[in-house]
Amino acid sequence: MKTYGEKSGPSLAGHSVTPLAVYGRFRVMDGSPIEGAVILAFPTFEEAEAWYDSPAYQDAVQHRFRGAKYQTFIVQGTR
């Protein structure tokens, strides 16, 4: 997870992203328990996909998969 942390932040360079929540206080109401959550806002669904699929993030995410179980998803919001 240390390697993931070192690589994931720099993978955001060049992407327009706003962190909305990063391991803050949470309450699980339904479903499986979680240990934490990160919510990132991108201007478009496609930009979120571009970051996630980028070589820089794919290099980082392989280390996350080795260190823990995660559920990751992209959802289009409304405004």
N, C-alpha and C. Protein backbone atom coordinates (compact mmCIF):
# COMPACT_ATOMS: atom_id res chain seq x y z
N MET A 1 0.82 -1.19 0.00
CA MET A 1 0.00 0.00 0.00
C MET A 1 0.87 1.26 0.00
N LYS A 2 2.06 1.16 0.56
CA LYS A 2 2.96 2.31 0.56
C LYS A 2 3.31 2.70 -0.87
N THR A 3 3.64 1.72 -1.69
CA THR A 3 3.98 1.99 -3.09
C THR A 3 2.78 2.58 -3.82
N TYR A 4 1.59 2.06 -3.56
CA TYR A 4 0.38 2.61 -4.17
C TYR A 4 0.23 4.08 -3.79
N GLY A 5 0.38 4.39 -2.54
CA GLY A 5 0.26 5.77 -2.08
C GLY A 5 1.27 6.69 -2.74
N GLU A 6 2.47 6.21 -2.94
CA GLU A 6 3.51 7.01 -3.57
C GLU A 6 3.22 7.26 -5.05
N LYS A 7 2.55 6.32 -5.70
CA LYS A 7 2.32 6.43 -7.14
C LYS A 7 0.96 7.00 -7.50
N SER A 8 -0.04 6.82 -6.66
CA SER A 8 -1.40 7.23 -7.04
C SER A 8 -1.55 8.74 -7.10
N GLY A 9 -1.00 9.47 -6.15
CA GLY A 9 -1.11 10.93 -6.16
C GLY A 9 -0.55 11.54 -7.43
N PRO A 10 0.69 11.22 -7.79
CA PRO A 10 1.25 11.77 -9.02
C PRO A 10 0.49 11.37 -10.29
N SER A 11 -0.27 10.27 -10.24
CA SER A 11 -1.03 9.86 -11.43
C SER A 11 -2.14 10.85 -11.76
N LEU A 12 -2.50 11.70 -10.80
CA LEU A 12 -3.55 12.69 -11.03
C LEU A 12 -3.04 13.93 -11.79
N ALA A 13 -1.73 14.07 -11.91
CA ALA A 13 -1.16 15.23 -12.61
C ALA A 13 -1.70 15.29 -14.04
N GLY A 14 -2.13 16.46 -14.44
CA GLY A 14 -2.66 16.64 -15.78
C GLY A 14 -4.14 16.32 -15.90
N HIS A 15 -4.76 15.87 -14.82
CA HIS A 15 -6.19 15.56 -14.82
C HIS A 15 -6.89 16.58 -13.94
N SER A 16 -8.03 17.06 -14.39
CA SER A 16 -8.83 18.00 -13.61
C SER A 16 -9.66 17.20 -12.62
N VAL A 17 -9.26 17.22 -11.37
CA VAL A 17 -9.93 16.39 -10.35
C VAL A 17 -10.05 17.19 -9.06
N THR A 18 -11.16 16.98 -8.37
CA THR A 18 -11.39 17.61 -7.07
C THR A 18 -11.68 16.51 -6.06
N PRO A 19 -10.83 16.36 -5.05
CA PRO A 19 -11.14 15.39 -3.98
C PRO A 19 -12.32 15.90 -3.16
N LEU A 20 -13.34 15.07 -3.01
CA LEU A 20 -14.52 15.43 -2.23
C LEU A 20 -14.50 14.78 -0.85
N ALA A 21 -13.93 13.60 -0.76
CA ALA A 21 -13.80 12.90 0.52
C ALA A 21 -12.60 11.98 0.43
N VAL A 22 -11.76 12.01 1.47
CA VAL A 22 -10.58 11.15 1.50
C VAL A 22 -10.46 10.57 2.91
N TYR A 23 -10.98 9.37 3.08
CA TYR A 23 -10.94 8.65 4.35
C TYR A 23 -11.47 9.46 5.52
N GLY A 24 -12.54 10.22 5.30
CA GLY A 24 -13.18 10.95 6.38
C GLY A 24 -14.13 10.04 7.15
N ARG A 25 -14.84 10.63 8.05
CA ARG A 25 -15.82 9.90 8.86
C ARG A 25 -16.91 9.34 7.95
N PHE A 26 -17.33 8.12 8.22
CA PHE A 26 -18.39 7.50 7.42
C PHE A 26 -19.22 6.56 8.29
N ARG A 27 -20.37 6.21 7.78
CA ARG A 27 -21.26 5.24 8.43
C ARG A 27 -21.81 4.35 7.33
N VAL A 28 -21.61 3.05 7.43
CA VAL A 28 -22.16 2.09 6.47
C VAL A 28 -23.59 1.78 6.88
N MET A 29 -24.51 2.08 6.01
CA MET A 29 -25.93 1.85 6.29
C MET A 29 -26.38 0.48 5.81
N ASP A 30 -25.93 0.07 4.65
CA ASP A 30 -26.31 -1.21 4.05
C ASP A 30 -25.10 -1.79 3.35
N GLY A 31 -25.13 -3.08 3.13
CA GLY A 31 -24.07 -3.72 2.36
C GLY A 31 -22.86 -4.08 3.20
N SER A 32 -21.81 -4.45 2.51
CA SER A 32 -20.59 -4.91 3.16
C SER A 32 -19.89 -3.77 3.88
N PRO A 33 -19.23 -4.09 4.98
CA PRO A 33 -18.49 -3.06 5.70
C PRO A 33 -17.32 -2.53 4.86
N ILE A 34 -16.92 -1.31 5.12
CA ILE A 34 -15.75 -0.72 4.46
C ILE A 34 -14.80 -0.19 5.52
N GLU A 35 -13.56 0.00 5.13
CA GLU A 35 -12.57 0.58 6.04
C GLU A 35 -12.36 2.06 5.75
N GLY A 36 -12.78 2.52 4.59
CA GLY A 36 -12.61 3.91 4.23
C GLY A 36 -13.12 4.15 2.83
N ALA A 37 -13.20 5.42 2.45
CA ALA A 37 -13.70 5.77 1.13
C ALA A 37 -12.99 7.01 0.61
N VAL A 38 -12.83 7.04 -0.70
CA VAL A 38 -12.30 8.21 -1.38
C VAL A 38 -13.28 8.55 -2.49
N ILE A 39 -13.67 9.82 -2.58
CA ILE A 39 -14.56 10.27 -3.64
C ILE A 39 -13.83 11.39 -4.38
N LEU A 40 -13.63 11.18 -5.68
CA LEU A 40 -12.98 12.16 -6.53
C LEU A 40 -13.97 12.64 -7.57
N ALA A 41 -14.03 13.94 -7.80
CA ALA A 41 -14.92 14.51 -8.81
C ALA A 41 -14.11 14.93 -10.03
N PHE A 42 -14.54 14.47 -11.18
CA PHE A 42 -13.95 14.85 -12.46
C PHE A 42 -15.00 15.62 -13.25
N PRO A 43 -14.58 16.48 -14.17
CA PRO A 43 -15.55 17.25 -14.94
C PRO A 43 -16.51 16.39 -15.77
N THR A 44 -16.03 15.24 -16.26
CA THR A 44 -16.88 14.37 -17.06
C THR A 44 -16.59 12.91 -16.72
N PHE A 45 -17.53 12.07 -17.08
CA PHE A 45 -17.37 10.63 -16.91
C PHE A 45 -16.13 10.15 -17.68
N GLU A 46 -15.99 10.68 -18.90
CA GLU A 46 -14.89 10.27 -19.76
C GLU A 46 -13.53 10.66 -19.18
N GLU A 47 -13.46 11.80 -18.51
CA GLU A 47 -12.20 12.21 -17.89
C GLU A 47 -11.85 11.32 -16.70
N ALA A 48 -12.86 10.86 -15.98
CA ALA A 48 -12.61 9.91 -14.89
C ALA A 48 -12.07 8.60 -15.46
N GLU A 49 -12.67 8.14 -16.54
CA GLU A 49 -12.18 6.92 -17.19
C GLU A 49 -10.76 7.10 -17.71
N ALA A 50 -10.48 8.26 -18.29
CA ALA A 50 -9.14 8.52 -18.84
C ALA A 50 -8.09 8.45 -17.74
N TRP A 51 -8.40 9.01 -16.56
CA TRP A 51 -7.44 8.92 -15.46
C TRP A 51 -7.29 7.47 -14.99
N TYR A 52 -8.40 6.78 -14.73
CA TYR A 52 -8.33 5.43 -14.22
C TYR A 52 -7.58 4.50 -15.19
N ASP A 53 -7.82 4.68 -16.47
CA ASP A 53 -7.20 3.82 -17.48
C ASP A 53 -5.80 4.27 -17.89
N SER A 54 -5.34 5.41 -17.36
CA SER A 54 -4.03 5.95 -17.75
C SER A 54 -2.91 5.01 -17.33
N PRO A 55 -1.82 5.00 -18.09
CA PRO A 55 -0.67 4.17 -17.72
C PRO A 55 -0.15 4.49 -16.31
N ALA A 56 -0.15 5.76 -15.93
CA ALA A 56 0.36 6.14 -14.61
C ALA A 56 -0.48 5.54 -13.49
N TYR A 57 -1.82 5.60 -13.63
CA TYR A 57 -2.65 5.03 -12.57
C TYR A 57 -2.64 3.51 -12.61
N GLN A 58 -2.63 2.94 -13.77
CA GLN A 58 -2.57 1.48 -13.86
C GLN A 58 -1.28 0.94 -13.26
N ASP A 59 -0.20 1.70 -13.34
CA ASP A 59 1.04 1.32 -12.68
C ASP A 59 0.87 1.35 -11.17
N ALA A 60 0.11 2.31 -10.67
CA ALA A 60 -0.12 2.43 -9.22
C ALA A 60 -1.11 1.39 -8.71
N VAL A 61 -2.21 1.22 -9.43
CA VAL A 61 -3.32 0.43 -8.92
C VAL A 61 -2.95 -1.05 -8.72
N GLN A 62 -2.01 -1.55 -9.48
CA GLN A 62 -1.60 -2.94 -9.28
C GLN A 62 -1.09 -3.17 -7.86
N HIS A 63 -0.50 -2.16 -7.24
CA HIS A 63 -0.01 -2.28 -5.87
C HIS A 63 -1.16 -2.24 -4.87
N ARG A 64 -2.21 -1.50 -5.19
CA ARG A 64 -3.39 -1.47 -4.32
C ARG A 64 -4.05 -2.84 -4.30
N PHE A 65 -4.15 -3.47 -5.46
CA PHE A 65 -4.77 -4.79 -5.54
C PHE A 65 -4.00 -5.82 -4.72
N ARG A 66 -2.71 -5.64 -4.59
CA ARG A 66 -1.90 -6.57 -3.79
C ARG A 66 -2.06 -6.35 -2.29
N GLY A 67 -2.47 -5.13 -1.90
CA GLY A 67 -2.49 -4.78 -0.50
C GLY A 67 -3.84 -4.84 0.19
N ALA A 68 -4.92 -4.85 -0.59
CA ALA A 68 -6.24 -4.81 0.04
C ALA A 68 -7.31 -5.15 -0.98
N LYS A 69 -8.52 -5.34 -0.48
CA LYS A 69 -9.67 -5.55 -1.35
C LYS A 69 -10.42 -4.23 -1.47
N TYR A 70 -10.74 -3.86 -2.68
CA TYR A 70 -11.41 -2.60 -2.94
C TYR A 70 -12.57 -2.79 -3.89
N GLN A 71 -13.49 -1.86 -3.85
CA GLN A 71 -14.53 -1.76 -4.85
C GLN A 71 -14.38 -0.37 -5.44
N THR A 72 -14.20 -0.31 -6.74
CA THR A 72 -14.02 0.97 -7.42
C THR A 72 -15.10 1.10 -8.47
N PHE A 73 -15.66 2.30 -8.58
CA PHE A 73 -16.65 2.52 -9.63
C PHE A 73 -16.64 3.99 -10.01
N ILE A 74 -17.10 4.24 -11.22
CA ILE A 74 -17.29 5.60 -11.72
C ILE A 74 -18.79 5.77 -11.91
N VAL A 75 -19.30 6.88 -11.40
CA VAL A 75 -20.73 7.14 -11.53
C VAL A 75 -20.91 8.56 -12.06
N GLN A 76 -21.82 8.72 -13.00
CA GLN A 76 -22.10 10.05 -13.52
C GLN A 76 -23.11 10.73 -12.62
N GLY A 77 -22.75 11.89 -12.13
CA GLY A 77 -23.63 12.64 -11.24
C GLY A 77 -24.56 13.56 -12.01
N THR A 78 -25.40 14.24 -11.26
CA THR A 78 -26.30 15.22 -11.86
C THR A 78 -26.09 16.55 -11.18
N ARG A 79 -26.30 17.59 -11.91
CA ARG A 79 -26.17 18.94 -11.34
C ARG A 79 -27.25 19.80 -11.90
